[in-house]
């Protein structure tokens, strides 16, 4: 007797099953969107907190996120230099006058140099 092959078809999914899958996909997308909104809000709040700690001229100047990060880096370096000056008994006025000069010159130059408002002295 010869062996005959029968084609096997996948059982068709019911429209109810397809609807359930679509609802499940939509639910997971909504959850992912909510998670992303919360993450974005958290990042923005952190940038706002960091921004409030940074001195700028003028004080209320709006900064982009990259400007905030660059200014924070520069400010931390400046504070580190102040600490080094204190431990090495260098007059802080020297560092502060350099800082003031840097801020004044940066306010009249291009935006890229406005990000470097603090002196990096070794």
PDB file of N, CA and C in Angstrom:
ATOM      1  N   UNK A   1       0.805  -1.181   0.000  1.00  0.00           N
ATOM      2  CA  UNK A   1       0.000   0.000   0.000  1.00  0.00           C
ATOM      3  C   UNK A   1       0.859   1.259   0.000  1.00  0.00           C
ATOM      4  N   UNK A   2       0.635   2.159  -0.907  1.00  0.00           N
ATOM      5  CA  UNK A   2       1.429   3.386  -0.933  1.00  0.00           C
ATOM      6  C   UNK A   2       1.017   4.344   0.187  1.00  0.00           C
ATOM      7  N   UNK A   3       2.003   5.052   0.646  1.00  0.00           N
ATOM      8  CA  UNK A   3       1.752   6.031   1.717  1.00  0.00           C
ATOM      9  C   UNK A   3       1.344   7.344   1.061  1.00  0.00           C
ATOM     10  N   UNK A   4       0.239   7.825   1.457  1.00  0.00           N
ATOM     11  CA  UNK A   4      -0.216   9.112   0.936  1.00  0.00           C
ATOM     12  C   UNK A   4       0.007  10.187   1.988  1.00  0.00           C
ATOM     13  N   UNK A   5       0.404  11.274   1.492  1.00  0.00           N
ATOM     14  CA  UNK A   5       0.640  12.401   2.410  1.00  0.00           C
ATOM     15  C   UNK A   5      -0.595  13.282   2.434  1.00  0.00           C
ATOM     16  N   UNK A   6      -0.929  13.626   3.598  1.00  0.00           N
ATOM     17  CA  UNK A   6      -2.033  14.573   3.750  1.00  0.00           C
ATOM     18  C   UNK A   6      -1.437  15.899   4.197  1.00  0.00           C
ATOM     19  N   UNK A   7      -1.930  16.927   3.643  1.00  0.00           N
ATOM     20  CA  UNK A   7      -1.412  18.242   4.036  1.00  0.00           C
ATOM     21  C   UNK A   7      -2.022  18.639   5.364  1.00  0.00           C
ATOM     22  N   UNK A   8      -1.159  19.125   6.173  1.00  0.00           N
ATOM     23  CA  UNK A   8      -1.625  19.577   7.483  1.00  0.00           C
ATOM     24  C   UNK A   8      -1.747  21.088   7.440  1.00  0.00           C
ATOM     25  N   UNK A   9      -2.865  21.526   7.730  1.00  0.00           N
ATOM     26  CA  UNK A   9      -3.084  22.967   7.803  1.00  0.00           C
ATOM     27  C   UNK A   9      -3.110  23.378   9.261  1.00  0.00           C
ATOM     28  N   UNK A  10      -2.556  24.547   9.477  1.00  0.00           N
ATOM     29  CA  UNK A  10      -2.647  25.095  10.829  1.00  0.00           C
ATOM     30  C   UNK A  10      -4.084  25.493  11.073  1.00  0.00           C
ATOM     31  N   UNK A  11      -4.525  25.225  12.244  1.00  0.00           N
ATOM     32  CA  UNK A  11      -5.899  25.655  12.524  1.00  0.00           C
ATOM     33  C   UNK A  11      -5.963  27.178  12.479  1.00  0.00           C
ATOM     34  N   UNK A  12      -6.964  27.687  11.846  1.00  0.00           N
ATOM     35  CA  UNK A  12      -7.114  29.132  11.744  1.00  0.00           C
ATOM     36  C   UNK A  12      -7.473  29.709  13.106  1.00  0.00           C
ATOM     37  N   UNK A  13      -6.851  30.844  13.374  1.00  0.00           N
ATOM     38  CA  UNK A  13      -7.122  31.497  14.650  1.00  0.00           C
ATOM     39  C   UNK A  13      -8.453  32.209  14.543  1.00  0.00           C
ATOM     40  N   UNK A  14      -9.187  32.097  15.575  1.00  0.00           N
ATOM     41  CA  UNK A  14     -10.497  32.747  15.576  1.00  0.00           C
ATOM     42  C   UNK A  14     -10.328  34.255  15.656  1.00  0.00           C
ATOM     43  N   UNK A  15     -11.313  34.953  15.185  1.00  0.00           N
ATOM     44  CA  UNK A  15     -11.250  36.415  15.242  1.00  0.00           C
ATOM     45  C   UNK A  15     -11.223  36.888  16.691  1.00  0.00           C
ATOM     46  N   UNK A  16     -11.848  36.142  17.567  1.00  0.00           N
ATOM     47  CA  UNK A  16     -11.823  36.492  18.992  1.00  0.00           C
ATOM     48  C   UNK A  16     -10.398  36.399  19.529  1.00  0.00           C
ATOM     49  N   UNK A  17      -9.666  35.361  19.121  1.00  0.00           N
ATOM     50  CA  UNK A  17      -8.284  35.190  19.553  1.00  0.00           C
ATOM     51  C   UNK A  17      -7.409  36.325  19.013  1.00  0.00           C
ATOM     52  N   UNK A  18      -7.610  36.682  17.729  1.00  0.00           N
ATOM     53  CA  UNK A  18      -6.845  37.787  17.136  1.00  0.00           C
ATOM     54  C   UNK A  18      -7.139  39.101  17.852  1.00  0.00           C
ATOM     55  N   UNK A  19      -8.390  39.322  18.184  1.00  0.00           N
ATOM     56  CA  UNK A  19      -8.755  40.541  18.915  1.00  0.00           C
ATOM     57  C   UNK A  19      -8.074  40.571  20.277  1.00  0.00           C
ATOM     58  N   UNK A  20      -8.053  39.429  20.928  1.00  0.00           N
ATOM     59  CA  UNK A  20      -7.417  39.348  22.241  1.00  0.00           C
ATOM     60  C   UNK A  20      -5.919  39.669  22.121  1.00  0.00           C
ATOM     61  N   UNK A  21      -5.280  39.153  21.068  1.00  0.00           N
ATOM     62  CA  UNK A  21      -3.865  39.452  20.857  1.00  0.00           C
ATOM     63  C   UNK A  21      -3.641  40.942  20.603  1.00  0.00           C
ATOM     64  N   UNK A  22      -4.502  41.545  19.804  1.00  0.00           N
ATOM     65  CA  UNK A  22      -4.381  42.978  19.522  1.00  0.00           C
ATOM     66  C   UNK A  22      -4.558  43.800  20.789  1.00  0.00           C
ATOM     67  N   UNK A  23      -5.521  43.431  21.611  1.00  0.00           N
ATOM     68  CA  UNK A  23      -5.728  44.143  22.880  1.00  0.00           C
ATOM     69  C   UNK A  23      -4.512  43.986  23.788  1.00  0.00           C
ATOM     70  N   UNK A  24      -3.935  42.799  23.781  1.00  0.00           N
ATOM     71  CA  UNK A  24      -2.760  42.558  24.611  1.00  0.00           C
ATOM     72  C   UNK A  24      -1.579  43.405  24.119  1.00  0.00           C
ATOM     73  N   UNK A  25      -1.388  43.481  22.805  1.00  0.00           N
ATOM     74  CA  UNK A  25      -0.323  44.319  22.244  1.00  0.00           C
ATOM     75  C   UNK A  25      -0.539  45.781  22.617  1.00  0.00           C
ATOM     76  N   UNK A  26      -1.767  46.230  22.486  1.00  0.00           N
ATOM     77  CA  UNK A  26      -2.098  47.612  22.821  1.00  0.00           C
ATOM     78  C   UNK A  26      -1.827  47.887  24.299  1.00  0.00           C
ATOM     79  N   UNK A  27      -2.205  46.957  25.157  1.00  0.00           N
ATOM     80  CA  UNK A  27      -1.978  47.098  26.597  1.00  0.00           C
ATOM     81  C   UNK A  27      -0.478  47.211  26.890  1.00  0.00           C
ATOM     82  N   UNK A  28       0.322  46.318  26.294  1.00  0.00           N
ATOM     83  CA  UNK A  28       1.771  46.356  26.525  1.00  0.00           C
ATOM     84  C   UNK A  28       2.382  47.654  25.997  1.00  0.00           C
ATOM     85  N   UNK A  29       1.896  48.166  24.874  1.00  0.00           N
ATOM     86  CA  UNK A  29       2.383  49.426  24.320  1.00  0.00           C
ATOM     87  C   UNK A  29       2.048  50.573  25.266  1.00  0.00           C
ATOM     88  N   UNK A  30       0.825  50.565  25.812  1.00  0.00           N
ATOM     89  CA  UNK A  30       0.427  51.619  26.753  1.00  0.00           C
ATOM     90  C   UNK A  30       1.306  51.588  28.000  1.00  0.00           C
ATOM     91  N   UNK A  31       1.602  50.407  28.501  1.00  0.00           N
ATOM     92  CA  UNK A  31       2.466  50.276  29.679  1.00  0.00           C
ATOM     93  C   UNK A  31       3.872  50.793  29.358  1.00  0.00           C
ATOM     94  N   UNK A  32       4.398  50.426  28.195  1.00  0.00           N
ATOM     95  CA  UNK A  32       5.733  50.885  27.790  1.00  0.00           C
ATOM     96  C   UNK A  32       5.759  52.403  27.635  1.00  0.00           C
ATOM     97  N   UNK A  33       4.706  52.974  27.058  1.00  0.00           N
ATOM     98  CA  UNK A  33       4.631  54.430  26.900  1.00  0.00           C
ATOM     99  C   UNK A  33       4.611  55.129  28.254  1.00  0.00           C
ATOM    100  N   UNK A  34       3.855  54.591  29.185  1.00  0.00           N
ATOM    101  CA  UNK A  34       3.787  55.176  30.534  1.00  0.00           C
ATOM    102  C   UNK A  34       5.151  55.104  31.220  1.00  0.00           C
ATOM    103  N   UNK A  35       5.814  53.971  31.069  1.00  0.00           N
ATOM    104  CA  UNK A  35       7.146  53.810  31.651  1.00  0.00           C
ATOM    105  C   UNK A  35       8.118  54.838  31.056  1.00  0.00           C
ATOM    106  N   UNK A  36       8.051  55.049  29.752  1.00  0.00           N
ATOM    107  CA  UNK A  36       8.929  56.025  29.088  1.00  0.00           C
ATOM    108  C   UNK A  36       8.602  57.450  29.525  1.00  0.00           C
ATOM    109  N   UNK A  37       7.312  57.771  29.676  1.00  0.00           N
ATOM    110  CA  UNK A  37       6.938  59.104  30.174  1.00  0.00           C
ATOM    111  C   UNK A  37       7.500  59.326  31.574  1.00  0.00           C
ATOM    112  N   UNK A  38       7.396  58.326  32.433  1.00  0.00           N
ATOM    113  CA  UNK A  38       7.923  58.453  33.797  1.00  0.00           C
ATOM    114  C   UNK A  38       9.440  58.615  33.796  1.00  0.00           C
ATOM    115  N   UNK A  39      10.112  57.864  32.929  1.00  0.00           N
ATOM    116  CA  UNK A  39      11.568  57.967  32.832  1.00  0.00           C
ATOM    117  C   UNK A  39      11.976  59.364  32.362  1.00  0.00           C
ATOM    118  N   UNK A  40      11.309  59.857  31.329  1.00  0.00           N
ATOM    119  CA  UNK A  40      11.609  61.185  30.795  1.00  0.00           C
ATOM    120  C   UNK A  40      11.356  62.261  31.847  1.00  0.00           C
ATOM    121  N   UNK A  41      10.252  62.146  32.559  1.00  0.00           N
ATOM    122  CA  UNK A  41       9.939  63.109  33.615  1.00  0.00           C
ATOM    123  C   UNK A  41      11.005  63.083  34.705  1.00  0.00           C
ATOM    124  N   UNK A  42      11.459  61.902  35.066  1.00  0.00           N
ATOM    125  CA  UNK A  42      12.492  61.764  36.088  1.00  0.00           C
ATOM    126  C   UNK A  42      13.806  62.406  35.637  1.00  0.00           C
ATOM    127  N   UNK A  43      14.187  62.179  34.395  1.00  0.00           N
ATOM    128  CA  UNK A  43      15.416  62.779  33.854  1.00  0.00           C
ATOM    129  C   UNK A  43      15.291  64.303  33.832  1.00  0.00           C
ATOM    130  N   UNK A  44      14.152  64.810  33.389  1.00  0.00           N
ATOM    131  CA  UNK A  44      13.954  66.263  33.335  1.00  0.00           C
ATOM    132  C   UNK A  44      13.991  66.888  34.725  1.00  0.00           C
ATOM    133  N   UNK A  45      13.401  66.222  35.711  1.00  0.00           N
ATOM    134  CA  UNK A  45      13.455  66.734  37.084  1.00  0.00           C
ATOM    135  C   UNK A  45      14.894  66.773  37.587  1.00  0.00           C
ATOM    136  N   UNK A  46      15.670  65.748  37.268  1.00  0.00           N
ATOM    137  CA  UNK A  46      17.073  65.715  37.693  1.00  0.00           C
ATOM    138  C   UNK A  46      17.863  66.851  37.043  1.00  0.00           C
ATOM    139  N   UNK A  47      17.611  67.115  35.763  1.00  0.00           N
ATOM    140  CA  UNK A  47      18.279  68.238  35.095  1.00  0.00           C
ATOM    141  C   UNK A  47      17.876  69.555  35.743  1.00  0.00           C
ATOM    142  N   UNK A  48      16.614  69.709  36.092  1.00  0.00           N
ATOM    143  CA  UNK A  48      16.161  70.945  36.744  1.00  0.00           C
ATOM    144  C   UNK A  48      16.829  71.134  38.103  1.00  0.00           C
ATOM    145  N   UNK A  49      16.961  70.049  38.877  1.00  0.00           N
ATOM    146  CA  UNK A  49      17.642  70.144  40.175  1.00  0.00           C
ATOM    147  C   UNK A  49      19.106  70.539  39.985  1.00  0.00           C
ATOM    148  N   UNK A  50      19.754  69.917  39.015  1.00  0.00           N
ATOM    149  CA  UNK A  50      21.152  70.245  38.739  1.00  0.00           C
ATOM    150  C   UNK A  50      21.283  71.691  38.274  1.00  0.00           C
ATOM    151  N   UNK A  51      20.376  72.128  37.427  1.00  0.00           N
ATOM    152  CA  UNK A  51      20.406  73.493  36.893  1.00  0.00           C
ATOM    153  C   UNK A  51      20.327  74.527  38.013  1.00  0.00           C
ATOM    154  N   UNK A  52      19.489  74.269  39.012  1.00  0.00           N
ATOM    155  CA  UNK A  52      19.334  75.224  40.120  1.00  0.00           C
ATOM    156  C   UNK A  52      20.613  75.356  40.949  1.00  0.00           C
ATOM    157  N   UNK A  53      21.489  74.384  40.882  1.00  0.00           N
ATOM    158  CA  UNK A  53      22.731  74.435  41.656  1.00  0.00           C
ATOM    159  C   UNK A  53      23.859  75.175  40.939  1.00  0.00           C
ATOM    160  N   UNK A  54      23.655  75.475  39.663  1.00  0.00           N
ATOM    161  CA  UNK A  54      24.726  76.071  38.863  1.00  0.00           C
ATOM    162  C   UNK A  54      24.572  77.579  38.737  1.00  0.00           C
ATOM    163  N   UNK A  55      25.619  78.321  39.088  1.00  0.00           N
ATOM    164  CA  UNK A  55      25.565  79.773  38.892  1.00  0.00           C
ATOM    165  C   UNK A  55      25.810  80.110  37.424  1.00  0.00           C
ATOM    166  N   UNK A  56      24.994  80.991  36.880  1.00  0.00           N
ATOM    167  CA  UNK A  56      25.192  81.456  35.505  1.00  0.00           C
ATOM    168  C   UNK A  56      24.952  82.947  35.446  1.00  0.00           C
ATOM    169  N   UNK A  57      25.419  83.548  34.385  1.00  0.00           N
ATOM    170  CA  UNK A  57      25.176  84.968  34.142  1.00  0.00           C
ATOM    171  C   UNK A  57      24.449  85.062  32.818  1.00  0.00           C
ATOM    172  N   UNK A  58      23.245  85.572  32.756  1.00  0.00           N
ATOM    173  CA  UNK A  58      22.365  85.975  33.854  1.00  0.00           C
ATOM    174  C   UNK A  58      21.833  84.753  34.604  1.00  0.00           C
ATOM    175  N   UNK A  59      21.355  84.997  35.800  1.00  0.00           N
ATOM    176  CA  UNK A  59      20.922  83.904  36.671  1.00  0.00           C
ATOM    177  C   UNK A  59      19.768  83.098  36.100  1.00  0.00           C
ATOM    178  N   UNK A  60      18.877  83.741  35.369  1.00  0.00           N
ATOM    179  CA  UNK A  60      17.688  83.049  34.862  1.00  0.00           C
ATOM    180  C   UNK A  60      17.866  82.560  33.429  1.00  0.00           C
ATOM    181  N   UNK A  61      19.083  82.514  32.940  1.00  0.00           N
ATOM    182  CA  UNK A  61      19.340  82.091  31.556  1.00  0.00           C
ATOM    183  C   UNK A  61      18.894  80.643  31.355  1.00  0.00           C
ATOM    184  N   UNK A  62      18.142  80.402  30.294  1.00  0.00           N
ATOM    185  CA  UNK A  62      17.674  79.062  29.948  1.00  0.00           C
ATOM    186  C   UNK A  62      18.840  78.287  29.346  1.00  0.00           C
ATOM    187  N   UNK A  63      19.077  77.074  29.841  1.00  0.00           N
ATOM    188  CA  UNK A  63      20.178  76.253  29.352  1.00  0.00           C
ATOM    189  C   UNK A  63      19.646  74.949  28.773  1.00  0.00           C
ATOM    190  N   UNK A  64      20.289  74.484  27.715  1.00  0.00           N
ATOM    191  CA  UNK A  64      19.942  73.171  27.174  1.00  0.00           C
ATOM    192  C   UNK A  64      20.547  72.100  28.089  1.00  0.00           C
ATOM    193  N   UNK A  65      20.134  70.876  27.886  1.00  0.00           N
ATOM    194  CA  UNK A  65      20.653  69.789  28.725  1.00  0.00           C
ATOM    195  C   UNK A  65      22.157  69.631  28.566  1.00  0.00           C
ATOM    196  N   UNK A  66      22.650  69.735  27.343  1.00  0.00           N
ATOM    197  CA  UNK A  66      24.095  69.600  27.132  1.00  0.00           C
ATOM    198  C   UNK A  66      24.835  70.764  27.779  1.00  0.00           C
ATOM    199  N   UNK A  67      24.252  71.962  27.736  1.00  0.00           N
ATOM    200  CA  UNK A  67      24.876  73.109  28.401  1.00  0.00           C
ATOM    201  C   UNK A  67      24.904  72.897  29.913  1.00  0.00           C
ATOM    202  N   UNK A  68      23.840  72.346  30.464  1.00  0.00           N
ATOM    203  CA  UNK A  68      23.804  72.065  31.904  1.00  0.00           C
ATOM    204  C   UNK A  68      24.911  71.090  32.274  1.00  0.00           C
ATOM    205  N   UNK A  69      25.068  70.031  31.491  1.00  0.00           N
ATOM    206  CA  UNK A  69      26.112  69.045  31.783  1.00  0.00           C
ATOM    207  C   UNK A  69      27.508  69.646  31.652  1.00  0.00           C
ATOM    208  N   UNK A  70      27.718  70.432  30.620  1.00  0.00           N
ATOM    209  CA  UNK A  70      29.035  71.059  30.434  1.00  0.00           C
ATOM    210  C   UNK A  70      29.333  72.054  31.540  1.00  0.00           C
ATOM    211  N   UNK A  71      28.345  72.857  31.894  1.00  0.00           N
ATOM    212  CA  UNK A  71      28.535  73.842  32.950  1.00  0.00           C
ATOM    213  C   UNK A  71      28.762  73.154  34.295  1.00  0.00           C
ATOM    214  N   UNK A  72      28.035  72.080  34.557  1.00  0.00           N
ATOM    215  CA  UNK A  72      28.219  71.338  35.808  1.00  0.00           C
ATOM    216  C   UNK A  72      29.633  70.772  35.891  1.00  0.00           C
ATOM    217  N   UNK A  73      30.106  70.223  34.788  1.00  0.00           N
ATOM    218  CA  UNK A  73      31.470  69.686  34.750  1.00  0.00           C
ATOM    219  C   UNK A  73      32.486  70.787  35.029  1.00  0.00           C
ATOM    220  N   UNK A  74      32.296  71.913  34.390  1.00  0.00           N
ATOM    221  CA  UNK A  74      33.199  73.038  34.570  1.00  0.00           C
ATOM    222  C   UNK A  74      33.141  73.574  36.005  1.00  0.00           C
ATOM    223  N   UNK A  75      31.944  73.659  36.546  1.00  0.00           N
ATOM    224  CA  UNK A  75      31.773  74.169  37.910  1.00  0.00           C
ATOM    225  C   UNK A  75      32.409  73.228  38.936  1.00  0.00           C
ATOM    226  N   UNK A  76      32.255  71.943  38.739  1.00  0.00           N
ATOM    227  CA  UNK A  76      32.880  70.964  39.638  1.00  0.00           C
ATOM    228  C   UNK A  76      34.396  71.108  39.584  1.00  0.00           C
ATOM    229  N   UNK A  77      34.925  71.283  38.385  1.00  0.00           N
ATOM    230  CA  UNK A  77      36.373  71.483  38.238  1.00  0.00           C
ATOM    231  C   UNK A  77      36.810  72.759  38.958  1.00  0.00           C
ATOM    232  N   UNK A  78      36.021  73.812  38.820  1.00  0.00           N
ATOM    233  CA  UNK A  78      36.345  75.069  39.508  1.00  0.00           C
ATOM    234  C   UNK A  78      36.350  74.869  41.027  1.00  0.00           C
ATOM    235  N   UNK A  79      35.327  74.204  41.549  1.00  0.00           N
ATOM    236  CA  UNK A  79      35.266  73.960  42.992  1.00  0.00           C
ATOM    237  C   UNK A  79      36.444  73.104  43.453  1.00  0.00           C
ATOM    238  N   UNK A  80      36.833  72.158  42.629  1.00  0.00           N
ATOM    239  CA  UNK A  80      38.003  71.342  42.934  1.00  0.00           C
ATOM    240  C   UNK A  80      39.257  72.214  42.999  1.00  0.00           C
ATOM    241  N   UNK A  81      39.369  73.151  42.060  1.00  0.00           N
ATOM    242  CA  UNK A  81      40.512  74.071  42.066  1.00  0.00           C
ATOM    243  C   UNK A  81      40.514  74.944  43.315  1.00  0.00           C
ATOM    244  N   UNK A  82      39.341  75.375  43.747  1.00  0.00           N
ATOM    245  CA  UNK A  82      39.243  76.172  44.978  1.00  0.00           C
ATOM    246  C   UNK A  82      39.714  75.340  46.168  1.00  0.00           C
ATOM    247  N   UNK A  83      39.285  74.095  46.232  1.00  0.00           N
ATOM    248  CA  UNK A  83      39.724  73.210  47.328  1.00  0.00           C
ATOM    249  C   UNK A  83      41.238  73.019  47.305  1.00  0.00           C
ATOM    250  N   UNK A  84      41.788  72.818  46.113  1.00  0.00           N
ATOM    251  CA  UNK A  84      43.242  72.679  45.998  1.00  0.00           C
ATOM    252  C   UNK A  84      43.949  73.953  46.433  1.00  0.00           C
ATOM    253  N   UNK A  85      43.400  75.096  46.052  1.00  0.00           N
ATOM    254  CA  UNK A  85      44.003  76.378  46.436  1.00  0.00           C
ATOM    255  C   UNK A  85      43.995  76.542  47.952  1.00  0.00           C
ATOM    256  N   UNK A  86      42.920  76.116  48.576  1.00  0.00           N
ATOM    257  CA  UNK A  86      42.829  76.224  50.038  1.00  0.00           C
ATOM    258  C   UNK A  86      43.881  75.341  50.697  1.00  0.00           C
ATOM    259  N   UNK A  87      44.000  74.103  50.215  1.00  0.00           N
ATOM    260  CA  UNK A  87      44.976  73.194  50.827  1.00  0.00           C
ATOM    261  C   UNK A  87      46.407  73.622  50.542  1.00  0.00           C
ATOM    262  N   UNK A  88      46.635  74.313  49.430  1.00  0.00           N
ATOM    263  CA  UNK A  88      47.980  74.782  49.084  1.00  0.00           C
ATOM    264  C   UNK A  88      48.194  76.228  49.518  1.00  0.00           C
ATOM    265  N   UNK A  89      47.221  76.784  50.226  1.00  0.00           N
ATOM    266  CA  UNK A  89      47.276  78.144  50.755  1.00  0.00           C
ATOM    267  C   UNK A  89      47.516  79.188  49.667  1.00  0.00           C
ATOM    268  N   UNK A  90      46.883  78.987  48.519  1.00  0.00           N
ATOM    269  CA  UNK A  90      46.895  79.983  47.445  1.00  0.00           C
ATOM    270  C   UNK A  90      45.725  80.925  47.709  1.00  0.00           C
ATOM    271  N   UNK A  91      45.916  82.235  47.598  1.00  0.00           N
ATOM    272  CA  UNK A  91      44.795  83.153  47.846  1.00  0.00           C
ATOM    273  C   UNK A  91      43.620  82.857  46.907  1.00  0.00           C
ATOM    274  N   UNK A  92      42.457  82.686  47.489  1.00  0.00           N
ATOM    275  CA  UNK A  92      41.265  82.354  46.700  1.00  0.00           C
ATOM    276  C   UNK A  92      40.895  83.511  45.785  1.00  0.00           C
ATOM    277  N   UNK A  93      41.273  84.728  46.152  1.00  0.00           N
ATOM    278  CA  UNK A  93      40.971  85.877  45.308  1.00  0.00           C
ATOM    279  C   UNK A  93      41.542  85.688  43.907  1.00  0.00           C
ATOM    280  N   UNK A  94      42.705  85.055  43.825  1.00  0.00           N
ATOM    281  CA  UNK A  94      43.307  84.806  42.504  1.00  0.00           C
ATOM    282  C   UNK A  94      42.388  83.934  41.654  1.00  0.00           C
ATOM    283  N   UNK A  95      41.843  82.913  42.247  1.00  0.00           N
ATOM    284  CA  UNK A  95      40.953  82.011  41.507  1.00  0.00           C
ATOM    285  C   UNK A  95      39.643  82.712  41.192  1.00  0.00           C
ATOM    286  N   UNK A  96      39.085  83.431  42.163  1.00  0.00           N
ATOM    287  CA  UNK A  96      37.801  84.108  41.950  1.00  0.00           C
ATOM    288  C   UNK A  96      37.920  85.208  40.905  1.00  0.00           C
ATOM    289  N   UNK A  97      39.030  85.940  40.890  1.00  0.00           N
ATOM    290  CA  UNK A  97      39.181  86.985  39.875  1.00  0.00           C
ATOM    291  C   UNK A  97      39.313  86.365  38.491  1.00  0.00           C
ATOM    292  N   UNK A  98      39.954  85.210  38.391  1.00  0.00           N
ATOM    293  CA  UNK A  98      40.017  84.509  37.106  1.00  0.00           C
ATOM    294  C   UNK A  98      38.625  84.058  36.682  1.00  0.00           C
ATOM    295  N   UNK A  99      37.849  83.585  37.638  1.00  0.00           N
ATOM    296  CA  UNK A  99      36.484  83.142  37.349  1.00  0.00           C
ATOM    297  C   UNK A  99      35.655  84.306  36.826  1.00  0.00           C
ATOM    298  N   UNK A 100      35.740  85.451  37.493  1.00  0.00           N
ATOM    299  CA  UNK A 100      34.974  86.625  37.071  1.00  0.00           C
ATOM    300  C   UNK A 100      35.389  87.055  35.667  1.00  0.00           C
ATOM    301  N   UNK A 101      36.686  87.063  35.402  1.00  0.00           N
ATOM    302  CA  UNK A 101      37.180  87.421  34.068  1.00  0.00           C
ATOM    303  C   UNK A 101      36.651  86.439  33.023  1.00  0.00           C
ATOM    304  N   UNK A 102      36.671  85.165  33.334  1.00  0.00           N
ATOM    305  CA  UNK A 102      36.181  84.131  32.408  1.00  0.00           C
ATOM    306  C   UNK A 102      34.693  84.318  32.129  1.00  0.00           C
ATOM    307  N   UNK A 103      33.906  84.600  33.171  1.00  0.00           N
ATOM    308  CA  UNK A 103      32.463  84.785  32.987  1.00  0.00           C
ATOM    309  C   UNK A 103      32.177  86.020  32.145  1.00  0.00           C
ATOM    310  N   UNK A 104      32.894  87.100  32.389  1.00  0.00           N
ATOM    311  CA  UNK A 104      32.675  88.329  31.626  1.00  0.00           C
ATOM    312  C   UNK A 104      33.051  88.150  30.163  1.00  0.00           C
ATOM    313  N   UNK A 105      34.146  87.477  29.901  1.00  0.00           N
ATOM    314  CA  UNK A 105      34.558  87.283  28.506  1.00  0.00           C
ATOM    315  C   UNK A 105      33.659  86.282  27.801  1.00  0.00           C
ATOM    316  N   UNK A 106      33.119  85.316  28.521  1.00  0.00           N
ATOM    317  CA  UNK A 106      32.258  84.312  27.877  1.00  0.00           C
ATOM    318  C   UNK A 106      30.885  84.877  27.548  1.00  0.00           C
ATOM    319  N   UNK A 107      30.422  85.875  28.277  1.00  0.00           N
ATOM    320  CA  UNK A 107      29.092  86.422  27.991  1.00  0.00           C
ATOM    321  C   UNK A 107      29.067  87.206  26.684  1.00  0.00           C
ATOM    322  N   UNK A 108      30.230  87.626  26.193  1.00  0.00           N
ATOM    323  CA  UNK A 108      30.266  88.372  24.936  1.00  0.00           C
ATOM    324  C   UNK A 108      30.783  87.540  23.769  1.00  0.00           C
ATOM    325  N   UNK A 109      31.092  86.263  23.997  1.00  0.00           N
ATOM    326  CA  UNK A 109      31.608  85.421  22.915  1.00  0.00           C
ATOM    327  C   UNK A 109      30.581  84.386  22.506  1.00  0.00           C
ATOM    328  N   UNK A 110      31.002  83.427  21.692  1.00  0.00           N
ATOM    329  CA  UNK A 110      30.075  82.436  21.125  1.00  0.00           C
ATOM    330  C   UNK A 110      29.477  81.541  22.192  1.00  0.00           C
ATOM    331  N   UNK A 111      28.401  80.825  21.823  1.00  0.00           N
ATOM    332  CA  UNK A 111      27.688  79.986  22.787  1.00  0.00           C
ATOM    333  C   UNK A 111      28.538  78.830  23.268  1.00  0.00           C
ATOM    334  N   UNK A 112      29.466  78.324  22.470  1.00  0.00           N
ATOM    335  CA  UNK A 112      30.287  77.201  22.915  1.00  0.00           C
ATOM    336  C   UNK A 112      31.207  77.622  24.051  1.00  0.00           C
ATOM    337  N   UNK A 113      31.698  78.864  24.030  1.00  0.00           N
ATOM    338  CA  UNK A 113      32.553  79.293  25.124  1.00  0.00           C
ATOM    339  C   UNK A 113      31.732  79.738  26.329  1.00  0.00           C
ATOM    340  N   UNK A 114      30.443  79.971  26.148  1.00  0.00           N
ATOM    341  CA  UNK A 114      29.596  80.306  27.286  1.00  0.00           C
ATOM    342  C   UNK A 114      29.443  79.118  28.216  1.00  0.00           C
ATOM    343  N   UNK A 115      29.632  77.918  27.707  1.00  0.00           N
ATOM    344  CA  UNK A 115      29.512  76.733  28.538  1.00  0.00           C
ATOM    345  C   UNK A 115      30.692  76.581  29.478  1.00  0.00           C
ATOM    346  N   UNK A 116      31.832  77.164  29.141  1.00  0.00           N
ATOM    347  CA  UNK A 116      33.027  77.041  29.950  1.00  0.00           C
ATOM    348  C   UNK A 116      33.193  78.294  30.795  1.00  0.00           C
ATOM    349  N   UNK A 117      32.311  78.523  31.735  1.00  0.00           N
ATOM    350  CA  UNK A 117      32.320  79.754  32.508  1.00  0.00           C
ATOM    351  C   UNK A 117      33.237  79.691  33.717  1.00  0.00           C
ATOM    352  N   UNK A 118      33.829  78.544  33.988  1.00  0.00           N
ATOM    353  CA  UNK A 118      34.658  78.414  35.169  1.00  0.00           C
ATOM    354  C   UNK A 118      36.086  78.112  34.757  1.00  0.00           C
ATOM    355  N   UNK A 119      37.016  78.596  35.546  1.00  0.00           N
ATOM    356  CA  UNK A 119      38.430  78.493  35.218  1.00  0.00           C
ATOM    357  C   UNK A 119      38.936  77.090  35.508  1.00  0.00           C
ATOM    358  N   UNK A 120      39.734  76.576  34.608  1.00  0.00           N
ATOM    359  CA  UNK A 120      40.378  75.278  34.797  1.00  0.00           C
ATOM    360  C   UNK A 120      41.868  75.520  34.994  1.00  0.00           C
ATOM    361  N   UNK A 121      42.254  75.785  36.215  1.00  0.00           N
ATOM    362  CA  UNK A 121      43.679  75.992  36.466  1.00  0.00           C
ATOM    363  C   UNK A 121      44.213  74.820  37.263  1.00  0.00           C
ATOM    364  N   UNK A 122      45.453  74.498  37.033  1.00  0.00           N
ATOM    365  CA  UNK A 122      46.044  73.351  37.732  1.00  0.00           C
ATOM    366  C   UNK A 122      46.866  73.806  38.906  1.00  0.00           C
TER     367      UNK A 122
END
